[in-house]
Amino acid sequence: KEVPFFLNNPWGVLKGLPGPPWEGPTDSRFFPRGDGPTTFHAVIVDNADNTFTTPTRTVIVDNVAPRLELGGIEQDGYTNDNTPTLTWEVTDTTPVTFTCSVDGGPEAPCSGESSHTPAEPLADGEHAISVRAVDSVELETVATRRFTVDTAAPVVKFVKKPKRKSRKRNAAFRFVTDEAVRYECKLDRKPWAECGGRVKYRVKRGKHTFKVRATDTAGNTSKPKTYKFKVTR
């Protein structure tokens, strides 16, 4: 935008504007170059070579809407937190104000200066949190983060397992859940270790305890599913 200059002395000229040496009429315009703060003044010289320098002024030029970088919640991700916090960083040449909304609801002041947490816990399912950034010249940007809340732990079911009592020393297990998970297995006193949807062990005679647990995409971990069996002579 242009910055106007006006002289109340019809015999004067303007000098000393930013840029190369410049002279102009008593009603002049100065166009700042690029966004950001620009400091300027004018030097007025009349026909008698009397000089007057105006006070320095600074204007901030802003032709670009705020830029928002969202964080805190993964886009199209899963979380087991039913009050997740959306965070952001903003880039702009002028002060910015924010309003937030959840799932397309009414906009209201955000809960933090650069973050927003829903006031009420969200139900399991798909959700969206939006933030609107408006700068001092009313340029605005709206950014939205979509995600899924999942607070339910997966349920593991055995589809294959050895008999409770058997002479066979090979023990095979197969198990499933109703969602994408990462499995961990444990036999007797051995530590937990990652495993697939099926495992097979060579065991000694005696009593044994097998355990499996599953962790879903949102980070919910099931209670261990336990199976006890015995290898006889």
C-alpha atoms as a PDB file:
ATOM      1  CA  LYS A   1       0.000   0.000   0.000  1.00  0.00           C
ATOM      2  CA  GLU A   2       1.059   3.620  -0.515  1.00  0.00           C
ATOM      3  CA  VAL A   3       2.130   6.028   2.199  1.00  0.00           C
ATOM      4  CA  PRO A   4       1.003   9.626   1.430  1.00  0.00           C
ATOM      5  CA  PHE A   5       2.997  12.812   2.126  1.00  0.00           C
ATOM      6  CA  PHE A   6       1.434  16.286   2.227  1.00  0.00           C
ATOM      7  CA  LEU A   7       3.141  19.701   2.501  1.00  0.00           C
ATOM      8  CA  ASN A   8       1.505  22.854   3.819  1.00  0.00           C
ATOM      9  CA  ASN A   9       4.194  25.012   2.138  1.00  0.00           C
ATOM     10  CA  PRO A  10       3.397  25.320  -1.582  1.00  0.00           C
ATOM     11  CA  TRP A  11       7.004  26.344  -2.340  1.00  0.00           C
ATOM     12  CA  GLY A  12       8.670  23.291  -0.869  1.00  0.00           C
ATOM     13  CA  VAL A  13       9.854  20.002  -2.300  1.00  0.00           C
ATOM     14  CA  LEU A  14      10.340  16.641  -0.620  1.00  0.00           C
ATOM     15  CA  LYS A  15      13.730  14.987  -0.357  1.00  0.00           C
ATOM     16  CA  GLY A  16      15.309  12.220   1.669  1.00  0.00           C
ATOM     17  CA  LEU A  17      12.864   9.380   1.108  1.00  0.00           C
ATOM     18  CA  PRO A  18      14.223   5.819   1.182  1.00  0.00           C
ATOM     19  CA  GLY A  19      15.923   4.732  -1.994  1.00  0.00           C
ATOM     20  CA  PRO A  20      17.814   6.854  -4.537  1.00  0.00           C
ATOM     21  CA  PRO A  21      17.799  10.703  -4.369  1.00  0.00           C
ATOM     22  CA  TRP A  22      14.237  11.812  -4.872  1.00  0.00           C
ATOM     23  CA  GLU A  23      12.262  15.010  -5.303  1.00  0.00           C
ATOM     24  CA  GLY A  24       8.548  15.319  -5.782  1.00  0.00           C
ATOM     25  CA  PRO A  25       5.532  17.599  -5.679  1.00  0.00           C
ATOM     26  CA  THR A  26       3.830  18.704  -2.499  1.00  0.00           C
ATOM     27  CA  ASP A  27       1.333  15.820  -2.637  1.00  0.00           C
ATOM     28  CA  SER A  28       3.409  12.673  -3.021  1.00  0.00           C
ATOM     29  CA  ARG A  29       3.228   8.952  -2.528  1.00  0.00           C
ATOM     30  CA  PHE A  30       5.907   6.559  -1.308  1.00  0.00           C
ATOM     31  CA  PHE A  31       5.581   2.843  -1.958  1.00  0.00           C
ATOM     32  CA  PRO A  32       7.485   0.695   0.578  1.00  0.00           C
ATOM     33  CA  ARG A  33       9.397  -2.180  -0.962  1.00  0.00           C
ATOM     34  CA  GLY A  34       8.302  -5.598   0.323  1.00  0.00           C
ATOM     35  CA  ASP A  35       6.659  -6.733   3.549  1.00  0.00           C
ATOM     36  CA  GLY A  36       7.987  -5.803   6.966  1.00  0.00           C
ATOM     37  CA  PRO A  37       8.828  -2.589   8.824  1.00  0.00           C
ATOM     38  CA  THR A  38       9.928   0.448   6.794  1.00  0.00           C
ATOM     39  CA  THR A  39      11.308   3.590   8.447  1.00  0.00           C
ATOM     40  CA  PHE A  40      11.198   6.890   6.549  1.00  0.00           C
ATOM     41  CA  HIS A  41      11.263  10.666   6.865  1.00  0.00           C
ATOM     42  CA  ALA A  42      11.085  13.657   4.525  1.00  0.00           C
ATOM     43  CA  VAL A  43      13.407  16.641   4.119  1.00  0.00           C
ATOM     44  CA  ILE A  44      11.601  19.839   3.052  1.00  0.00           C
ATOM     45  CA  VAL A  45      13.564  22.605   1.306  1.00  0.00           C
ATOM     46  CA  ASP A  46      11.881  25.865   0.289  1.00  0.00           C
ATOM     47  CA  ASN A  47      12.987  28.420  -2.325  1.00  0.00           C
ATOM     48  CA  ALA A  48      15.118  30.211   0.263  1.00  0.00           C
ATOM     49  CA  ASP A  49      16.970  26.950   1.011  1.00  0.00           C
ATOM     50  CA  ASN A  50      15.369  26.658   4.421  1.00  0.00           C
ATOM     51  CA  THR A  51      15.401  22.976   5.427  1.00  0.00           C
ATOM     52  CA  PHE A  52      13.066  21.069   7.680  1.00  0.00           C
ATOM     53  CA  THR A  53      13.314  17.351   8.421  1.00  0.00           C
ATOM     54  CA  THR A  54      10.116  15.605   9.440  1.00  0.00           C
ATOM     55  CA  PRO A  55      10.034  13.209  12.379  1.00  0.00           C
ATOM     56  CA  THR A  56      10.890   9.630  11.522  1.00  0.00           C
ATOM     57  CA  ARG A  57       7.956   7.307  11.003  1.00  0.00           C
ATOM     58  CA  THR A  58       7.823   3.529  10.774  1.00  0.00           C
ATOM     59  CA  VAL A  59       5.135   1.570   8.970  1.00  0.00           C
ATOM     60  CA  ILE A  60       4.740  -2.190   8.809  1.00  0.00           C
ATOM     61  CA  VAL A  61       3.686  -3.521   5.434  1.00  0.00           C
ATOM     62  CA  ASP A  62       1.811  -6.826   5.484  1.00  0.00           C
ATOM     63  CA  ASN A  63       0.393  -8.374   2.328  1.00  0.00           C
ATOM     64  CA  VAL A  64       0.830 -12.019   3.351  1.00  0.00           C
ATOM     65  CA  ALA A  65      -1.587 -14.023   5.500  1.00  0.00           C
ATOM     66  CA  PRO A  66      -0.201 -15.663   8.664  1.00  0.00           C
ATOM     67  CA  ARG A  67       1.584 -18.972   8.154  1.00  0.00           C
ATOM     68  CA  LEU A  68       0.650 -21.713  10.622  1.00  0.00           C
ATOM     69  CA  GLU A  69       2.684 -24.817  11.436  1.00  0.00           C
ATOM     70  CA  LEU A  70       0.596 -27.312  13.421  1.00  0.00           C
ATOM     71  CA  GLY A  71       1.901 -29.836  15.928  1.00  0.00           C
ATOM     72  CA  GLY A  72       0.921 -31.855  18.973  1.00  0.00           C
ATOM     73  CA  ILE A  73      -1.471 -34.126  17.054  1.00  0.00           C
ATOM     74  CA  GLU A  74      -0.472 -36.198  14.034  1.00  0.00           C
ATOM     75  CA  GLN A  75      -2.495 -35.550  10.882  1.00  0.00           C
ATOM     76  CA  ASP A  76      -4.895 -38.484  10.294  1.00  0.00           C
ATOM     77  CA  GLY A  77      -3.276 -40.176  13.280  1.00  0.00           C
ATOM     78  CA  TYR A  78      -4.613 -42.068  16.292  1.00  0.00           C
ATOM     79  CA  THR A  79      -4.453 -41.071  19.943  1.00  0.00           C
ATOM     80  CA  ASN A  80      -5.682 -42.594  23.200  1.00  0.00           C
ATOM     81  CA  ASP A  81      -5.871 -39.115  24.750  1.00  0.00           C
ATOM     82  CA  ASN A  82      -9.489 -37.909  24.701  1.00  0.00           C
ATOM     83  CA  THR A  83      -8.409 -34.332  25.473  1.00  0.00           C
ATOM     84  CA  PRO A  84      -5.545 -33.955  22.974  1.00  0.00           C
ATOM     85  CA  THR A  85      -3.736 -30.635  22.635  1.00  0.00           C
ATOM     86  CA  LEU A  86      -3.176 -28.998  19.258  1.00  0.00           C
ATOM     87  CA  THR A  87      -0.135 -26.702  19.141  1.00  0.00           C
ATOM     88  CA  TRP A  88       1.098 -24.288  16.494  1.00  0.00           C
ATOM     89  CA  GLU A  89       3.757 -21.803  15.509  1.00  0.00           C
ATOM     90  CA  VAL A  90       2.848 -18.701  13.526  1.00  0.00           C
ATOM     91  CA  THR A  91       4.899 -16.517  11.194  1.00  0.00           C
ATOM     92  CA  ASP A  92       3.674 -13.013  10.365  1.00  0.00           C
ATOM     93  CA  THR A  93       4.942  -9.433  10.298  1.00  0.00           C
ATOM     94  CA  THR A  94       2.152  -8.102  12.534  1.00  0.00           C
ATOM     95  CA  PRO A  95       0.484  -9.293  15.772  1.00  0.00           C
ATOM     96  CA  VAL A  96      -1.903 -12.226  15.328  1.00  0.00           C
ATOM     97  CA  THR A  97      -5.040 -13.261  17.225  1.00  0.00           C
ATOM     98  CA  PHE A  98      -6.426 -16.810  17.305  1.00  0.00           C
ATOM     99  CA  THR A  99      -9.790 -18.524  17.593  1.00  0.00           C
ATOM    100  CA  CYS A 100     -10.379 -22.279  17.722  1.00  0.00           C
ATOM    101  CA  SER A 101     -13.173 -24.744  17.053  1.00  0.00           C
ATOM    102  CA  VAL A 102     -13.684 -28.478  17.551  1.00  0.00           C
ATOM    103  CA  ASP A 103     -15.521 -30.665  15.026  1.00  0.00           C
ATOM    104  CA  GLY A 104     -16.910 -27.681  13.143  1.00  0.00           C
ATOM    105  CA  GLY A 105     -18.464 -26.107  16.232  1.00  0.00           C
ATOM    106  CA  PRO A 106     -18.574 -22.378  16.999  1.00  0.00           C
ATOM    107  CA  GLU A 107     -15.264 -20.542  17.137  1.00  0.00           C
ATOM    108  CA  ALA A 108     -14.069 -19.233  20.490  1.00  0.00           C
ATOM    109  CA  PRO A 109     -10.808 -17.988  22.007  1.00  0.00           C
ATOM    110  CA  CYS A 110      -8.240 -20.784  22.120  1.00  0.00           C
ATOM    111  CA  SER A 111      -7.352 -22.310  25.485  1.00  0.00           C
ATOM    112  CA  GLY A 112      -3.694 -21.229  25.208  1.00  0.00           C
ATOM    113  CA  GLU A 113      -1.602 -18.591  23.465  1.00  0.00           C
ATOM    114  CA  SER A 114      -0.335 -21.123  20.926  1.00  0.00           C
ATOM    115  CA  SER A 115      -2.343 -24.242  21.752  1.00  0.00           C
ATOM    116  CA  HIS A 116      -5.860 -25.537  22.192  1.00  0.00           C
ATOM    117  CA  THR A 117      -7.245 -28.380  24.292  1.00  0.00           C
ATOM    118  CA  PRO A 118     -10.941 -29.342  24.056  1.00  0.00           C
ATOM    119  CA  ALA A 119     -12.884 -28.285  27.135  1.00  0.00           C
ATOM    120  CA  GLU A 120     -14.698 -31.638  27.290  1.00  0.00           C
ATOM    121  CA  PRO A 121     -13.364 -35.163  26.636  1.00  0.00           C
ATOM    122  CA  LEU A 122     -13.896 -36.356  23.073  1.00  0.00           C
ATOM    123  CA  ALA A 123     -15.734 -39.581  22.341  1.00  0.00           C
ATOM    124  CA  ASP A 124     -13.927 -42.356  20.507  1.00  0.00           C
ATOM    125  CA  GLY A 125     -14.030 -41.730  16.763  1.00  0.00           C
ATOM    126  CA  GLU A 126     -12.933 -39.185  14.165  1.00  0.00           C
ATOM    127  CA  HIS A 127     -12.462 -35.538  15.159  1.00  0.00           C
ATOM    128  CA  ALA A 128     -10.991 -32.262  13.915  1.00  0.00           C
ATOM    129  CA  ILE A 129      -9.568 -29.191  15.645  1.00  0.00           C
ATOM    130  CA  SER A 130      -9.266 -25.942  13.659  1.00  0.00           C
ATOM    131  CA  VAL A 131      -7.424 -22.722  14.425  1.00  0.00           C
ATOM    132  CA  ARG A 132      -7.997 -19.383  12.694  1.00  0.00           C
ATOM    133  CA  ALA A 133      -5.160 -16.836  12.708  1.00  0.00           C
ATOM    134  CA  VAL A 134      -6.014 -13.201  11.897  1.00  0.00           C
ATOM    135  CA  ASP A 135      -3.298 -10.559  11.699  1.00  0.00           C
ATOM    136  CA  SER A 136      -3.477  -6.804  12.269  1.00  0.00           C
ATOM    137  CA  VAL A 137      -4.554  -6.039   8.691  1.00  0.00           C
ATOM    138  CA  GLU A 138      -7.244  -8.754   8.805  1.00  0.00           C
ATOM    139  CA  LEU A 139      -5.459 -11.270   6.619  1.00  0.00           C
ATOM    140  CA  GLU A 140      -6.326 -14.727   7.897  1.00  0.00           C
ATOM    141  CA  THR A 141      -5.380 -18.388   7.692  1.00  0.00           C
ATOM    142  CA  VAL A 142      -7.357 -21.419   8.869  1.00  0.00           C
ATOM    143  CA  ALA A 143      -5.575 -24.712   9.569  1.00  0.00           C
ATOM    144  CA  THR A 144      -7.212 -27.988  10.599  1.00  0.00           C
ATOM    145  CA  ARG A 145      -5.823 -31.178  12.090  1.00  0.00           C
ATOM    146  CA  ARG A 146      -7.934 -34.344  11.691  1.00  0.00           C
ATOM    147  CA  PHE A 147      -7.390 -37.376  13.912  1.00  0.00           C
ATOM    148  CA  THR A 148      -9.055 -40.367  15.576  1.00  0.00           C
ATOM    149  CA  VAL A 149      -9.522 -40.880  19.307  1.00  0.00           C
ATOM    150  CA  ASP A 150      -9.274 -44.514  20.408  1.00  0.00           C
ATOM    151  CA  THR A 151      -9.263 -45.253  24.136  1.00  0.00           C
ATOM    152  CA  ALA A 152     -10.269 -48.933  23.926  1.00  0.00           C
ATOM    153  CA  ALA A 153      -7.611 -51.614  24.314  1.00  0.00           C
ATOM    154  CA  PRO A 154      -7.556 -54.416  21.725  1.00  0.00           C
ATOM    155  CA  VAL A 155      -8.934 -57.851  22.592  1.00  0.00           C
ATOM    156  CA  VAL A 156      -6.753 -60.861  21.794  1.00  0.00           C
ATOM    157  CA  LYS A 157      -8.323 -64.198  20.879  1.00  0.00           C
ATOM    158  CA  PHE A 158      -6.601 -67.555  20.438  1.00  0.00           C
ATOM    159  CA  VAL A 159      -7.440 -69.379  17.223  1.00  0.00           C
ATOM    160  CA  LYS A 160      -4.840 -72.097  17.708  1.00  0.00           C
ATOM    161  CA  LYS A 161      -3.209 -73.480  20.853  1.00  0.00           C
ATOM    162  CA  PRO A 162      -1.862 -76.797  22.172  1.00  0.00           C
ATOM    163  CA  LYS A 163      -3.916 -79.149  24.286  1.00  0.00           C
ATOM    164  CA  ARG A 164      -3.914 -78.567  28.015  1.00  0.00           C
ATOM    165  CA  LYS A 165      -2.061 -81.868  28.440  1.00  0.00           C
ATOM    166  CA  SER A 166      -0.017 -83.433  25.702  1.00  0.00           C
ATOM    167  CA  ARG A 167       3.120 -85.446  25.056  1.00  0.00           C
ATOM    168  CA  LYS A 168       4.041 -83.214  22.137  1.00  0.00           C
ATOM    169  CA  ARG A 169       6.949 -80.900  22.830  1.00  0.00           C
ATOM    170  CA  ASN A 170       6.088 -78.523  19.996  1.00  0.00           C
ATOM    171  CA  ALA A 171       3.681 -75.823  21.173  1.00  0.00           C
ATOM    172  CA  ALA A 172       2.135 -73.647  18.449  1.00  0.00           C
ATOM    173  CA  PHE A 173      -0.072 -70.604  19.019  1.00  0.00           C
ATOM    174  CA  ARG A 174      -2.024 -68.381  16.661  1.00  0.00           C
ATOM    175  CA  PHE A 175      -4.014 -65.335  17.771  1.00  0.00           C
ATOM    176  CA  VAL A 176      -5.961 -62.436  16.273  1.00  0.00           C
ATOM    177  CA  THR A 177      -7.518 -59.069  17.131  1.00  0.00           C
ATOM    178  CA  ASP A 178     -10.116 -56.922  15.382  1.00  0.00           C
ATOM    179  CA  GLU A 179      -7.668 -54.079  14.590  1.00  0.00           C
ATOM    180  CA  ALA A 180      -4.090 -53.399  13.517  1.00  0.00           C
ATOM    181  CA  VAL A 181      -1.765 -54.157  16.428  1.00  0.00           C
ATOM    182  CA  ARG A 182       1.765 -54.993  17.462  1.00  0.00           C
ATOM    183  CA  TYR A 183       2.082 -58.261  19.412  1.00  0.00           C
ATOM    184  CA  GLU A 184       4.417 -59.219  22.241  1.00  0.00           C
ATOM    185  CA  CYS A 185       4.779 -62.774  23.504  1.00  0.00           C
ATOM    186  CA  LYS A 186       6.194 -64.399  26.619  1.00  0.00           C
ATOM    187  CA  LEU A 187       6.793 -68.034  27.555  1.00  0.00           C
ATOM    188  CA  ASP A 188       7.349 -68.903  31.199  1.00  0.00           C
ATOM    189  CA  ARG A 189      10.083 -66.707  32.703  1.00  0.00           C
ATOM    190  CA  LYS A 190      11.450 -65.410  29.425  1.00  0.00           C
ATOM    191  CA  PRO A 191      11.138 -61.641  28.841  1.00  0.00           C
ATOM    192  CA  TRP A 192       8.476 -60.110  26.630  1.00  0.00           C
ATOM    193  CA  ALA A 193       9.491 -60.054  22.966  1.00  0.00           C
ATOM    194  CA  GLU A 194       7.827 -58.874  19.776  1.00  0.00           C
ATOM    195  CA  CYS A 195       6.106 -61.598  17.809  1.00  0.00           C
ATOM    196  CA  GLY A 196       3.792 -61.966  14.857  1.00  0.00           C
ATOM    197  CA  GLY A 197       0.296 -63.380  14.854  1.00  0.00           C
ATOM    198  CA  ARG A 198       1.674 -66.871  15.358  1.00  0.00           C
ATOM    199  CA  VAL A 199       4.536 -68.441  17.318  1.00  0.00           C
ATOM    200  CA  LYS A 200       5.945 -71.919  17.835  1.00  0.00           C
ATOM    201  CA  TYR A 201       8.066 -73.195  20.710  1.00  0.00           C
ATOM    202  CA  ARG A 202      10.068 -76.304  21.482  1.00  0.00           C
ATOM    203  CA  VAL A 203       9.352 -76.913  25.165  1.00  0.00           C
ATOM    204  CA  LYS A 204      10.529 -79.280  27.882  1.00  0.00           C
ATOM    205  CA  ARG A 205       8.328 -81.649  29.819  1.00  0.00           C
ATOM    206  CA  GLY A 206       6.419 -79.978  32.617  1.00  0.00           C
ATOM    207  CA  LYS A 207       4.089 -77.038  33.166  1.00  0.00           C
ATOM    208  CA  HIS A 208       4.265 -73.935  30.976  1.00  0.00           C
ATOM    209  CA  THR A 209       2.573 -70.547  30.762  1.00  0.00           C
ATOM    210  CA  PHE A 210       2.240 -68.613  27.525  1.00  0.00           C
ATOM    211  CA  LYS A 211       1.180 -64.948  27.399  1.00  0.00           C
ATOM    212  CA  VAL A 212       0.464 -62.576  24.540  1.00  0.00           C
ATOM    213  CA  ARG A 213      -0.501 -58.904  24.552  1.00  0.00           C
ATOM    214  CA  ALA A 214      -1.326 -56.431  21.797  1.00  0.00           C
ATOM    215  CA  THR A 215      -0.781 -52.679  21.391  1.00  0.00           C
ATOM    216  CA  ASP A 216      -2.886 -50.785  18.856  1.00  0.00           C
ATOM    217  CA  THR A 217      -2.062 -47.736  16.730  1.00  0.00           C
ATOM    218  CA  ALA A 218      -3.325 -45.344  19.412  1.00  0.00           C
ATOM    219  CA  GLY A 219      -1.028 -46.875  22.041  1.00  0.00           C
ATOM    220  CA  ASN A 220      -3.617 -48.902  23.973  1.00  0.00           C
ATOM    221  CA  THR A 221      -2.203 -52.174  25.304  1.00  0.00           C
ATOM    222  CA  SER A 222      -4.402 -55.160  26.074  1.00  0.00           C
ATOM    223  CA  LYS A 223      -4.263 -57.214  29.215  1.00  0.00           C
ATOM    224  CA  PRO A 224      -2.082 -60.296  28.688  1.00  0.00           C
ATOM    225  CA  LYS A 225      -3.970 -63.244  27.250  1.00  0.00           C
ATOM    226  CA  THR A 226      -2.728 -66.275  29.193  1.00  0.00           C
ATOM    227  CA  TYR A 227      -2.743 -69.972  28.379  1.00  0.00           C
ATOM    228  CA  LYS A 228      -1.354 -72.712  30.631  1.00  0.00           C
ATOM    229  CA  PHE A 229      -0.462 -76.172  29.393  1.00  0.00           C
ATOM    230  CA  LYS A 230       1.548 -79.218  30.422  1.00  0.00           C
ATOM    231  CA  VAL A 231       3.830 -81.556  28.509  1.00  0.00           C
ATOM    232  CA  THR A 232       3.714 -85.062  29.981  1.00  0.00           C
ATOM    233  CA  ARG A 233       5.933 -88.097  29.556  1.00  0.00           C
END
